Protein backbone atom coordinates (compact mmCIF):
# COMPACT_ATOMS: atom_id res chain seq x y z
CA MET A 1 -14.17 -7.75 21.39
CA SER A 2 -16.18 -5.64 23.77
CA SER A 3 -17.38 -2.18 22.88
CA HIS A 4 -16.29 0.78 25.00
CA TYR A 5 -19.72 2.41 24.57
CA THR A 6 -21.86 1.94 27.68
CA SER A 7 -25.07 1.34 25.72
CA LEU A 8 -23.49 -1.58 23.83
CA LYS A 9 -21.41 -2.86 26.74
CA LYS A 10 -24.50 -3.14 28.96
CA HIS A 11 -25.98 -5.75 26.59
CA HIS A 12 -22.59 -7.34 25.68
CA ILE A 13 -22.91 -6.26 22.03
CA ALA A 14 -19.81 -5.65 20.00
CA GLY A 15 -19.95 -2.63 17.73
CA ASP A 16 -20.33 -3.58 14.07
CA PHE A 17 -19.52 -0.28 12.42
CA ARG A 18 -16.49 1.27 10.80
CA PHE A 19 -15.31 4.87 10.71
CA VAL A 20 -14.01 6.19 7.39
CA LEU A 21 -11.71 9.21 7.55
CA ILE A 22 -10.71 11.12 4.45
CA ASP A 23 -7.05 12.16 4.44
CA ARG A 24 -6.16 14.71 1.79
CA ILE A 25 -2.80 14.23 0.08
CA GLN A 26 -0.95 16.20 -2.56
CA ASN A 27 -1.49 15.13 -6.16
CA TYR A 28 1.89 15.02 -7.93
CA ASP A 29 0.43 14.41 -11.40
CA PHE A 30 -0.04 18.11 -12.12
CA ASP A 31 2.10 21.24 -11.83
CA PHE A 32 0.77 23.77 -9.36
CA ARG A 33 1.26 27.51 -9.41
CA PRO A 34 4.05 28.59 -7.02
CA PHE A 35 1.63 30.03 -4.45
CA ASP A 36 -0.55 26.89 -4.50
CA GLN A 37 2.57 24.72 -4.11
CA PHE A 38 3.71 26.85 -1.16
CA VAL A 39 0.32 26.51 0.56
CA MET A 40 0.32 22.74 0.02
CA ASN A 41 3.85 22.44 1.45
CA ILE A 42 2.79 24.38 4.56
CA TYR A 43 -0.30 22.16 4.86
CA ASN A 44 1.90 19.02 4.75
CA VAL A 45 4.27 20.39 7.41
CA VAL A 46 1.42 21.29 9.76
CA LYS A 47 -0.21 17.90 9.16
CA ARG A 48 3.01 16.09 10.10
CA LEU A 49 3.45 18.16 13.27
CA GLY A 50 -0.04 17.41 14.58
CA ILE A 51 -1.54 14.16 15.77
CA SER A 52 -3.44 11.84 13.46
CA ASP A 53 -7.18 12.27 12.97
CA VAL A 54 -7.76 8.80 14.44
CA ARG A 55 -6.12 9.84 17.71
CA ALA A 56 -7.66 13.34 17.66
CA PHE A 57 -11.19 11.89 17.45
CA GLY A 58 -10.38 9.15 19.97
CA LEU A 59 -11.29 6.36 17.55
CA ASP A 60 -10.22 2.74 17.83
CA SER A 61 -7.78 2.04 15.00
CA SER A 62 -9.13 -1.50 14.53
CA ASN A 63 -12.47 -0.22 13.21
CA THR A 64 -11.20 2.85 11.35
CA VAL A 65 -10.26 3.13 7.68
CA VAL A 66 -8.28 6.10 6.34
CA GLU A 67 -8.96 6.89 2.67
CA LEU A 68 -6.34 8.92 0.80
CA VAL A 69 -7.89 11.48 -1.56
CA PRO A 70 -5.83 13.86 -3.74
CA LEU A 71 -6.12 17.52 -2.86
CA GLU A 72 -6.57 19.60 -6.00
CA SER A 73 -7.10 23.25 -6.85
CA GLY A 74 -9.45 24.73 -9.43
CA GLU A 75 -6.51 25.28 -11.78
CA VAL A 76 -5.61 21.58 -11.65
CA ILE A 77 -9.17 20.56 -12.46
CA LYS A 78 -9.18 22.96 -15.42
CA GLN A 79 -5.87 21.44 -16.66
CA ALA A 80 -7.33 17.94 -16.38
CA LYS A 81 -10.43 18.91 -18.36
CA GLU A 82 -8.25 20.33 -21.14
CA MET A 83 -5.84 17.40 -21.10
CA TYR A 84 -8.50 14.68 -21.24
CA LYS A 85 -11.16 16.60 -23.20
CA ILE A 86 -13.81 16.22 -20.51
CA GLU A 87 -17.19 17.63 -21.49
CA ARG A 88 -20.53 17.63 -19.69
CA LEU A 89 -23.32 15.93 -21.62
CA GLN A 90 -26.59 17.82 -21.92
């Protein structure tokens, strides 16, 4: 596999790196306020209409990993702290 970067191609060196993209998804474990739910629905629609981040950045999909990370609001984090009794140690 030859690299498409001129500096690596000149010496016939294949790139040995990987791009990691973070894709934010909706977390369905918690109930959101109506306004937050509306904003997240609009975000999902716009995300589906556009092109993927891999194509937008012009990355090769063979050396790109897309990590899915839940998108959460401050209210959701507060609910989780109360639900699981999370406390910061001093």
